[in-house]
Structure formats: structure tokens, C-alpha cells
Amino acid sequence: MRNSARVALVASALNVATVVSGCGTSNSASDSNVSATNNHSTAKSETGGSASINTDVKTGTNKGTLVLYAAEGYDAAMGAAFEKKTGIKVEVHDDSTGPLITDAESQASNPHWDVIWFDGDSSAQAMDNQGLLLQGWTPNDVNNYTALGQSLIAKDKSYYPTGVTGMGAIGYDPKVTPESDLPKTLNDLLEPQWKNAIAMNDPAISGPTYPLVAGVVQQMASVASGERFFTQLKKNGLYVYDTNSVSINALLTGKVKLAIVQDSALMNDEASGDPIAIDYLQSGTYTLPSVIAIDKQAPDMAAAKEFVEFALSQEGQKVMINPKVAGADAYLTPVIKGVSATPLATSSRKNVNWVRVDPITAAMQKNSLETWFHDNITY
């Protein structure tokens, strides 16, 4: 999701002030920008790993600091809303999903983050497989989940879904490509008419793209068949870019005719007036849950649990579905009862054939598939 430069939020219970460092924008697609700096570990290391203190001026009680690693367009707004509600100071570190996870994993023995939030349950499962995530904890408001939400909870309760978007949607310019010409299946993308005409993202940088790769492998029934598909797609002139915004720009500038990306990013551009329409392959679109998890050694465990519960509340969800603060990531399908998707998200996804990517299998294959894709497809 959104991956702008580092965002730091510092506030007291009476005054919320947001400090933004870098060049991100809340209206960008989920993974639109890669942070220019990657020094997140300094947030707590200067105090020996202990949380900094935020004193509630009304009660005089001490409240800890929550360090949130996130790749969501609404993460800064959610941090501010949580701060205002609870008086707990929030430091938001926003980056592309891939670099964000790498940074968190590098701190395995001495973590400086409490909560991590990004798109893709397979990536969360991979972190869980490394023993990095808190397991076996159930939020108080878990009963707020819809049936879809319940189906996406990790079996060991190490991560929880906060919304769903679609991976593998097709963006196109209807003035250039008639709807009747659009591909219907994965294999249709290999046809000569799409030579040098398709763009997608690099899964090593754009975290939401890995479920597309894993989903293709799953549908093709073997790693070898999935790799063969991408090899053929590359031979047909596939362009691979870092993130949603670059792939979509290739579409808008006429370099390609199809951009295969996260559907919420396409909705955001459509809503802004760009000449973009969205289509979904009849062979399926991959369910992409945004997931939230707690470090098993979270420096501020109590604040981390409280934040997750806020993200699963109707109050928190309503922040997330507001395009004015969440940008592209607002166009999600909610997984909490009593919360409705934006009209654009509802109408766009009405005829989608959803394919659930098995996160356990995808997590086991993640490192090898990303390495293979980098070595054989990206370059």
C-alpha cells in the first residue's frame, strides 16, 4: 500500500501535531514511493530499547509510545486518530512493503517496533514462520468480523485482516483498448496482441505484488508451470516496474496498454479523473488482505494490542475508508460489521471471481520465488 517517506507523529492528549519527513503523499497508491531513508531502528535504541514517555496532562499518568511500521495510505491518519483517542504517542514509519519487512526482520533479536501493517497475508505468514510475531492473542472485538474477515485470520492468531483489495486487476484506457479486446484469462496475456503492452510491479519491492506471483503459481498447479508463464510473459515484452504508481504511469503515458496491479490503486486514479477503467480476469483475481501484527517482543505490548483493537473497530475503519486521508487505500472492502465500502469499490468489485491464495504455501515459497523473479524477469 502507500509507501511514502518516513512519517513521525508526536502529540500530547490535547494537541496532535504531525511531522512529515520526505516526499510522500496520502493520495498515492499503496506502494507508490520508496522511502529515501531507512533508519527506523533509531526510534527507541537511543533510550536503550525502552519506550519514550508521553504524559497525559489531564491525569498525570504515563503513557508509552507505540512504534508503528506501516505501508498503508491511512497509517498516519490512523496514528493521529489513535493518539487523540488514547493519549498514547505514536511514531509511524511508512515505507514500501518490501523494505519495511526487511527492516523489521533485521531487528529480530532487538526489535524497535511494536506493530506492523501492510498488504499480503503470505508476507505476514513468512514473518510468523521466523518466529517474529505475537501468537495466540485474540482482540476483544474479534466478533466484529464479517464472515470474510473471520476466514482471513491466521490459524495461530499471529496476524489479523483489516480490509481486502484485489491483486491482479487490469487497468486500461478505454479510448485506446476497447473492452471487447480485453484478455479473459492468464493465458490470454501471452497473445501477440499484448506484445510490449503489459506492465506489472516487482514483487521484491511492491509487497502487494507477491500474492499475484504466488497466485499464478497456485493456479498453474506447480512452481515450474508458474515460472514458465512469467518467462513467456517476459518474452512477450513484459515491463516490470517498482510500484503501482510507475506501472500506472506507463499506462497513462501510452507506453503500455495494460497495467496489472492492485485494484485500489486503479480506483484512486479513476476517481481522480485519469482515463482509466478497471477489468478483472474471468480466471480470477487474488484476494489481498491488509494485515496487522504485533512483534512478539514489542517494546510497548499494551499499546500495540490497544492499537490493533482500534484498527478493528468501526471508528478506526471509518478513518481507513476516507479517501481524503487514505488515498488509494481507502478503496478497500471492509471486514468489520457495520462498515461499508466506498461506492466506487462496491461497484468495481461486483463481478469479481475471487481466488484465495494459500498464505502458508505462499510463505514457504516466498524467498525462492522472489529471487527467481528478480533474476529472470525483472532484469
Protein backbone atom coordinates (compact mmCIF):
# COMPACT_ATOMS: atom_id res chain seq x y z
CA MET A 1 0.00 0.00 0.00
CA ARG A 2 1.11 3.56 0.47
CA ASN A 3 4.89 3.71 0.87
CA SER A 4 5.92 7.31 1.26
CA ALA A 5 8.86 8.63 3.23
CA ARG A 6 9.14 8.27 6.97
CA VAL A 7 6.32 9.87 8.94
CA ALA A 8 6.73 10.82 12.59
CA LEU A 9 3.71 11.63 14.72
CA VAL A 10 4.23 13.36 18.03
CA ALA A 11 1.31 14.57 20.12
CA SER A 12 0.03 15.12 23.64
CA ALA A 13 -3.51 14.26 24.70
CA LEU A 14 -4.58 17.83 23.99
CA ASN A 15 -2.72 18.58 20.77
CA VAL A 16 -1.93 16.30 17.84
CA ALA A 17 0.90 17.50 15.63
CA THR A 18 2.05 15.63 12.54
CA VAL A 19 5.60 15.90 11.26
CA VAL A 20 6.30 14.51 7.82
CA SER A 21 9.82 13.86 6.65
CA GLY A 22 10.40 13.09 2.98
CA CYS A 23 8.28 13.34 -0.13
CA GLY A 24 5.25 11.08 0.27
CA THR A 25 1.61 11.90 -0.31
CA SER A 26 -1.52 10.45 1.22
CA ASN A 27 -3.14 10.30 -2.21
CA SER A 28 -0.55 7.95 -3.67
CA ALA A 29 -1.11 4.28 -4.36
CA SER A 30 -0.30 1.81 -1.64
CA ASP A 31 3.26 1.23 -2.57
CA SER A 32 3.83 4.32 -4.62
CA ASN A 33 7.03 5.69 -3.11
CA VAL A 34 10.13 4.18 -1.56
CA SER A 35 11.48 5.97 1.49
CA ALA A 36 14.74 7.83 0.93
CA THR A 37 15.90 6.86 4.41
CA ASN A 38 15.76 3.60 6.27
CA ASN A 39 16.85 4.47 9.79
CA HIS A 40 13.78 3.29 11.67
CA SER A 41 15.81 1.49 14.34
CA THR A 42 16.73 4.79 15.96
CA ALA A 43 13.23 5.34 17.32
CA LYS A 44 13.88 3.55 20.60
CA SER A 45 17.51 2.46 20.51
CA GLU A 46 18.66 5.82 21.86
CA THR A 47 16.88 5.04 25.11
CA GLY A 48 18.15 1.51 25.41
CA GLY A 49 15.06 -0.04 23.85
CA SER A 50 12.60 1.44 26.32
CA ALA A 51 9.52 3.30 25.11
CA SER A 52 9.62 7.03 25.38
CA ILE A 53 7.04 8.50 27.75
CA ASN A 54 4.05 10.63 26.92
CA THR A 55 2.40 12.13 29.99
CA ASP A 56 -1.36 12.62 29.98
CA VAL A 57 -1.72 16.20 31.21
CA LYS A 58 -5.28 15.55 32.37
CA THR A 59 -4.49 12.65 34.69
CA GLY A 60 -0.73 12.87 35.17
CA THR A 61 -0.39 9.19 34.28
CA ASN A 62 2.37 7.94 31.98
CA LYS A 63 1.51 6.60 28.59
CA GLY A 64 4.02 4.70 26.45
CA THR A 65 4.98 5.16 22.82
CA LEU A 66 3.69 2.97 20.04
CA VAL A 67 6.05 2.45 17.10
CA LEU A 68 4.04 1.55 14.01
CA TYR A 69 5.72 0.16 10.89
CA ALA A 70 3.24 0.52 8.05
CA ALA A 71 2.78 0.57 4.30
CA GLU A 72 -0.76 1.88 4.26
CA GLY A 73 -2.15 5.13 2.88
CA TYR A 74 -4.13 5.68 6.06
CA ASP A 75 -1.37 4.87 8.57
CA ALA A 76 -0.59 8.48 9.54
CA ALA A 77 -4.28 9.33 9.91
CA MET A 78 -4.85 6.20 11.99
CA GLY A 79 -1.89 7.05 14.20
CA ALA A 80 -3.24 10.55 14.76
CA ALA A 81 -6.77 9.28 15.48
CA PHE A 82 -5.47 6.68 17.93
CA GLU A 83 -3.27 9.26 19.63
CA LYS A 84 -6.18 11.66 20.01
CA LYS A 85 -8.43 8.94 21.42
CA THR A 86 -5.98 7.34 23.86
CA GLY A 87 -3.24 9.88 24.57
CA ILE A 88 -0.67 7.25 23.55
CA LYS A 89 2.12 8.72 21.46
CA VAL A 90 2.50 7.14 18.01
CA GLU A 91 5.59 7.09 15.80
CA VAL A 92 4.68 5.99 12.27
CA HIS A 93 7.40 4.63 9.99
CA ASP A 94 5.95 4.42 6.48
CA ASP A 95 7.78 2.65 3.65
CA SER A 96 7.27 0.25 0.76
CA THR A 97 6.18 -3.17 1.97
CA GLY A 98 9.35 -4.99 0.91
CA PRO A 99 11.87 -2.64 2.55
CA LEU A 100 9.59 -2.28 5.58
CA ILE A 101 9.55 -6.03 6.22
CA THR A 102 13.29 -6.30 5.62
CA ASP A 103 13.88 -3.58 8.20
CA ALA A 104 11.64 -5.32 10.75
CA GLU A 105 13.27 -8.69 10.14
CA SER A 106 16.74 -7.21 10.65
CA GLN A 107 15.72 -6.34 14.22
CA ALA A 108 14.77 -9.90 15.16
CA SER A 109 16.95 -10.02 18.28
CA ASN A 110 16.33 -6.42 19.35
CA PRO A 111 13.10 -5.04 17.87
CA HIS A 112 12.29 -1.34 17.90
CA TRP A 113 8.78 -1.67 16.51
CA ASP A 114 5.51 -2.71 18.11
CA VAL A 115 3.00 -3.14 15.28
CA ILE A 116 3.48 -3.83 11.56
CA TRP A 117 0.75 -3.26 8.96
CA PHE A 118 0.86 -3.97 5.23
CA ASP A 119 -0.91 -5.78 2.38
CA GLY A 120 -0.41 -9.52 1.96
CA ASP A 121 -1.06 -12.34 4.43
CA SER A 122 1.62 -14.50 2.77
CA SER A 123 4.26 -11.95 3.77
CA ALA A 124 2.87 -11.87 7.31
CA GLN A 125 2.94 -15.66 7.40
CA ALA A 126 6.59 -15.58 6.31
CA MET A 127 7.38 -13.29 9.26
CA ASP A 128 5.42 -15.61 11.54
CA ASN A 129 7.43 -18.59 10.28
CA GLN A 130 10.55 -16.80 11.50
CA GLY A 131 9.07 -16.52 14.97
CA LEU A 132 8.79 -12.72 14.88
CA LEU A 133 5.08 -12.25 15.57
CA LEU A 134 2.96 -12.49 18.70
CA GLN A 135 0.84 -15.64 18.51
CA GLY A 136 -2.29 -16.77 20.29
CA TRP A 137 -3.68 -13.34 21.17
CA THR A 138 -7.33 -12.55 20.44
CA PRO A 139 -8.53 -8.94 20.22
CA ASN A 140 -11.54 -8.06 22.37
CA ASP A 141 -13.52 -7.04 19.30
CA VAL A 142 -12.83 -10.13 17.17
CA ASN A 143 -16.58 -10.74 16.97
CA ASN A 144 -16.86 -7.58 14.87
CA TYR A 145 -15.52 -9.52 11.89
CA THR A 146 -17.64 -10.37 8.88
CA ALA A 147 -17.51 -13.93 7.54
CA LEU A 148 -14.84 -12.79 5.07
CA GLY A 149 -12.78 -11.29 7.88
CA GLN A 150 -13.05 -14.42 10.01
CA SER A 151 -11.83 -16.54 7.09
CA LEU A 152 -8.62 -14.49 6.80
CA ILE A 153 -7.46 -14.67 10.43
CA ALA A 154 -4.18 -16.56 10.86
CA LYS A 155 -4.67 -20.02 12.32
CA ASP A 156 -2.25 -19.25 15.13
CA LYS A 157 -3.72 -15.72 15.56
CA SER A 158 -0.40 -14.08 14.67
CA TYR A 159 -1.96 -11.55 12.29
CA TYR A 160 -5.41 -10.12 11.64
CA PRO A 161 -7.02 -8.76 8.46
CA THR A 162 -8.13 -5.13 8.42
CA GLY A 163 -9.54 -4.94 4.88
CA VAL A 164 -9.39 -6.58 1.46
CA THR A 165 -8.38 -5.37 -2.00
CA GLY A 166 -7.77 -7.25 -5.25
CA MET A 167 -4.40 -8.14 -6.76
CA GLY A 168 -4.11 -8.78 -10.47
CA ALA A 169 -6.73 -6.31 -11.63
CA ILE A 170 -6.24 -4.87 -15.11
CA GLY A 171 -6.10 -1.14 -15.69
CA TYR A 172 -6.64 0.12 -19.23
CA ASP A 173 -7.57 3.24 -21.17
CA PRO A 174 -10.96 2.58 -22.81
CA LYS A 175 -10.18 5.12 -25.53
CA VAL A 176 -7.15 3.04 -26.54
CA THR A 177 -8.25 -0.50 -25.72
CA PRO A 178 -11.91 -1.46 -26.29
CA GLU A 179 -13.47 -3.53 -23.54
CA SER A 180 -14.24 -6.26 -26.08
CA ASP A 181 -10.50 -6.74 -26.72
CA LEU A 182 -9.54 -7.29 -23.09
CA PRO A 183 -7.97 -10.61 -22.01
CA LYS A 184 -10.19 -13.03 -20.13
CA THR A 185 -7.63 -15.47 -18.73
CA LEU A 186 -3.99 -15.54 -17.72
CA ASN A 187 -3.04 -17.31 -20.92
CA ASP A 188 -4.72 -14.58 -22.98
CA LEU A 189 -1.99 -12.23 -21.73
CA LEU A 190 0.51 -14.23 -23.78
CA GLU A 191 -1.21 -13.46 -27.07
CA PRO A 192 0.74 -11.46 -29.72
CA GLN A 193 -1.66 -8.52 -29.44
CA TRP A 194 -0.21 -7.79 -25.97
CA LYS A 195 3.44 -7.83 -27.04
CA ASN A 196 5.29 -4.96 -25.31
CA ALA A 197 1.94 -3.82 -23.93
CA ILE A 198 1.79 -5.07 -20.31
CA ALA A 199 3.24 -3.67 -17.09
CA MET A 200 3.36 -5.09 -13.57
CA ASN A 201 5.34 -4.48 -10.38
CA ASP A 202 8.45 -6.08 -8.91
CA PRO A 203 7.32 -8.34 -6.02
CA ALA A 204 10.60 -7.75 -4.17
CA ILE A 205 9.72 -4.06 -3.81
CA SER A 206 5.96 -3.94 -4.14
CA GLY A 207 4.75 -6.27 -1.38
CA PRO A 208 1.18 -6.48 -2.73
CA THR A 209 2.58 -7.95 -5.98
CA TYR A 210 3.95 -11.13 -4.43
CA PRO A 211 0.42 -12.59 -3.97
CA LEU A 212 -0.01 -12.16 -7.74
CA VAL A 213 3.09 -14.26 -8.37
CA ALA A 214 2.08 -16.81 -5.73
CA GLY A 215 -1.47 -16.86 -7.06
CA VAL A 216 -0.33 -17.61 -10.60
CA VAL A 217 1.82 -20.46 -9.29
CA GLN A 218 -1.15 -21.78 -7.31
CA GLN A 219 -3.49 -21.63 -10.31
CA MET A 220 -0.90 -23.18 -12.61
CA ALA A 221 -0.62 -26.05 -10.08
CA SER A 222 3.19 -26.03 -9.82
CA VAL A 223 6.14 -23.69 -9.39
CA ALA A 224 7.61 -24.82 -12.71
CA SER A 225 4.39 -24.01 -14.57
CA GLY A 226 4.10 -20.62 -12.89
CA GLU A 227 7.69 -19.75 -13.73
CA ARG A 228 7.10 -20.86 -17.31
CA PHE A 229 4.13 -18.47 -17.54
CA PHE A 230 6.15 -15.47 -16.36
CA THR A 231 9.02 -16.42 -18.65
CA GLN A 232 6.64 -16.42 -21.60
CA LEU A 233 5.16 -13.13 -20.44
CA LYS A 234 8.66 -11.65 -20.32
CA LYS A 235 9.39 -12.92 -23.84
CA ASN A 236 6.20 -11.18 -24.92
CA GLY A 237 7.66 -7.87 -23.77
CA LEU A 238 6.50 -7.53 -20.15
CA TYR A 239 7.62 -4.34 -18.41
CA VAL A 240 8.41 -4.66 -14.68
CA TYR A 241 8.42 -1.51 -12.55
CA ASP A 242 8.96 -0.87 -8.85
CA THR A 243 5.49 0.15 -7.75
CA ASN A 244 1.85 0.80 -8.64
CA SER A 245 2.37 4.46 -9.49
CA VAL A 246 5.12 3.72 -12.03
CA SER A 247 3.18 0.92 -13.71
CA ILE A 248 0.06 3.08 -13.91
CA ASN A 249 2.08 5.98 -15.28
CA ALA A 250 3.30 3.71 -18.07
CA LEU A 251 -0.34 3.12 -18.92
CA LEU A 252 -1.28 6.81 -18.77
CA THR A 253 1.63 7.83 -21.00
CA GLY A 254 0.81 5.18 -23.58
CA LYS A 255 3.90 3.05 -23.08
CA VAL A 256 1.70 0.04 -22.30
CA LYS A 257 -1.94 -0.86 -22.82
CA LEU A 258 -2.48 -2.90 -19.66
CA ALA A 259 -1.28 -2.39 -16.07
CA ILE A 260 -1.71 -5.44 -13.84
CA VAL A 261 -1.71 -4.02 -10.34
CA GLN A 262 -3.69 -3.68 -7.11
CA ASP A 263 -7.25 -2.66 -7.92
CA SER A 264 -7.47 0.03 -5.23
CA ALA A 265 -4.62 1.93 -6.91
CA LEU A 266 -6.54 1.92 -10.18
CA MET A 267 -9.71 3.08 -8.42
CA ASN A 268 -7.85 6.00 -6.93
CA ASP A 269 -6.62 7.14 -10.34
CA GLU A 270 -10.06 6.65 -11.85
CA ALA A 271 -11.58 8.74 -9.06
CA SER A 272 -9.04 11.50 -9.71
CA GLY A 273 -10.20 11.78 -13.32
CA ASP A 274 -7.46 9.86 -15.13
CA PRO A 275 -8.60 7.96 -18.27
CA ILE A 276 -8.52 4.58 -16.55
CA ALA A 277 -11.03 1.76 -16.44
CA ILE A 278 -10.75 -1.45 -14.42
CA ASP A 279 -11.31 -5.02 -15.52
CA TYR A 280 -10.85 -8.39 -13.84
CA LEU A 281 -9.78 -11.63 -15.46
CA GLN A 282 -12.52 -14.22 -15.57
CA SER A 283 -9.91 -16.76 -14.49
CA GLY A 284 -9.68 -14.96 -11.16
CA THR A 285 -8.38 -12.06 -9.08
CA TYR A 286 -6.33 -12.73 -5.98
CA THR A 287 -7.70 -11.77 -2.60
CA LEU A 288 -5.25 -9.35 -0.99
CA PRO A 289 -5.94 -8.73 2.70
CA SER A 290 -4.25 -5.90 4.54
CA VAL A 291 -2.93 -7.47 7.73
CA ILE A 292 -1.80 -6.17 11.08
CA ALA A 293 0.51 -7.95 13.52
CA ILE A 294 2.38 -7.36 16.78
CA ASP A 295 6.06 -8.06 17.41
CA LYS A 296 6.31 -10.88 19.93
CA GLN A 297 8.89 -8.76 21.77
CA ALA A 298 7.02 -5.48 21.29
CA PRO A 299 8.63 -2.78 23.44
CA ASP A 300 5.13 -1.48 24.26
CA MET A 301 2.91 -4.57 24.15
CA ALA A 302 -0.09 -2.96 25.87
CA ALA A 303 -0.20 -0.07 23.41
CA ALA A 304 0.25 -2.47 20.50
CA LYS A 305 -2.77 -4.53 21.48
CA GLU A 306 -4.85 -1.41 22.02
CA PHE A 307 -3.92 -0.11 18.57
CA VAL A 308 -4.89 -3.38 16.83
CA GLU A 309 -8.25 -3.28 18.56
CA PHE A 310 -8.71 0.32 17.41
CA ALA A 311 -7.95 -0.75 13.81
CA LEU A 312 -10.68 -3.39 14.06
CA SER A 313 -13.27 -1.00 15.48
CA GLN A 314 -15.88 0.82 13.41
CA GLU A 315 -14.27 4.09 14.49
CA GLY A 316 -10.88 3.05 13.15
CA GLN A 317 -12.30 1.54 9.98
CA LYS A 318 -14.08 4.77 9.10
CA VAL A 319 -10.72 6.54 9.08
CA MET A 320 -9.38 3.91 6.70
CA ILE A 321 -12.17 4.23 4.11
CA ASN A 322 -11.88 8.01 3.82
CA PRO A 323 -10.15 8.81 0.50
CA LYS A 324 -9.25 12.30 1.75
CA VAL A 325 -6.80 10.85 4.27
CA ALA A 326 -6.19 7.32 2.95
CA GLY A 327 -5.77 7.92 -0.77
CA ALA A 328 -5.85 4.74 -2.83
CA ASP A 329 -6.02 2.50 0.22
CA ALA A 330 -9.47 3.84 1.09
CA TYR A 331 -10.92 1.71 -1.71
CA LEU A 332 -10.94 -1.49 0.31
CA THR A 333 -13.65 -3.99 1.10
CA PRO A 334 -14.20 -3.76 4.88
CA VAL A 335 -14.06 -6.89 7.03
CA ILE A 336 -15.79 -5.33 10.04
CA LYS A 337 -19.56 -5.42 10.50
CA GLY A 338 -21.36 -2.12 10.12
CA VAL A 339 -18.72 -0.58 7.83
CA SER A 340 -19.46 -0.06 4.13
CA ALA A 341 -17.01 0.21 1.25
CA THR A 342 -16.89 3.36 -0.85
CA PRO A 343 -19.41 3.34 -3.74
CA LEU A 344 -16.57 3.03 -6.27
CA ALA A 345 -15.07 -0.01 -4.54
CA THR A 346 -18.51 -1.63 -4.28
CA SER A 347 -19.43 -1.10 -7.93
CA SER A 348 -15.99 -2.04 -9.29
CA ARG A 349 -15.82 -5.39 -7.49
CA LYS A 350 -19.38 -6.58 -8.02
CA ASN A 351 -18.48 -9.31 -10.56
CA VAL A 352 -15.04 -10.39 -9.37
CA ASN A 353 -14.07 -14.06 -9.33
CA TRP A 354 -12.03 -14.11 -6.12
CA VAL A 355 -9.18 -16.58 -5.68
CA ARG A 356 -7.77 -17.03 -2.19
CA VAL A 357 -4.01 -17.55 -2.21
CA ASP A 358 -2.97 -20.06 0.45
CA PRO A 359 -0.74 -17.95 2.73
CA ILE A 360 1.09 -20.92 4.24
CA THR A 361 2.22 -22.34 0.89
CA ALA A 362 2.93 -18.86 -0.48
CA ALA A 363 5.05 -18.01 2.56
CA MET A 364 7.14 -21.17 2.15
CA GLN A 365 7.84 -20.27 -1.49
CA LYS A 366 8.30 -16.53 -0.99
CA ASN A 367 12.10 -16.21 -0.86
CA SER A 368 12.75 -18.61 -3.72
CA LEU A 369 10.04 -17.17 -5.98
CA GLU A 370 11.08 -13.56 -5.38
CA THR A 371 14.71 -14.43 -6.05
CA TRP A 372 13.80 -16.30 -9.22
CA PHE A 373 11.57 -13.43 -10.41
CA HIS A 374 14.32 -10.89 -9.75
CA ASP A 375 16.96 -12.90 -11.56
CA ASN A 376 14.84 -13.98 -14.53
CA ILE A 377 12.02 -11.49 -15.03
CA THR A 378 12.93 -8.13 -13.51
CA TYR A 379 16.23 -7.95 -15.41
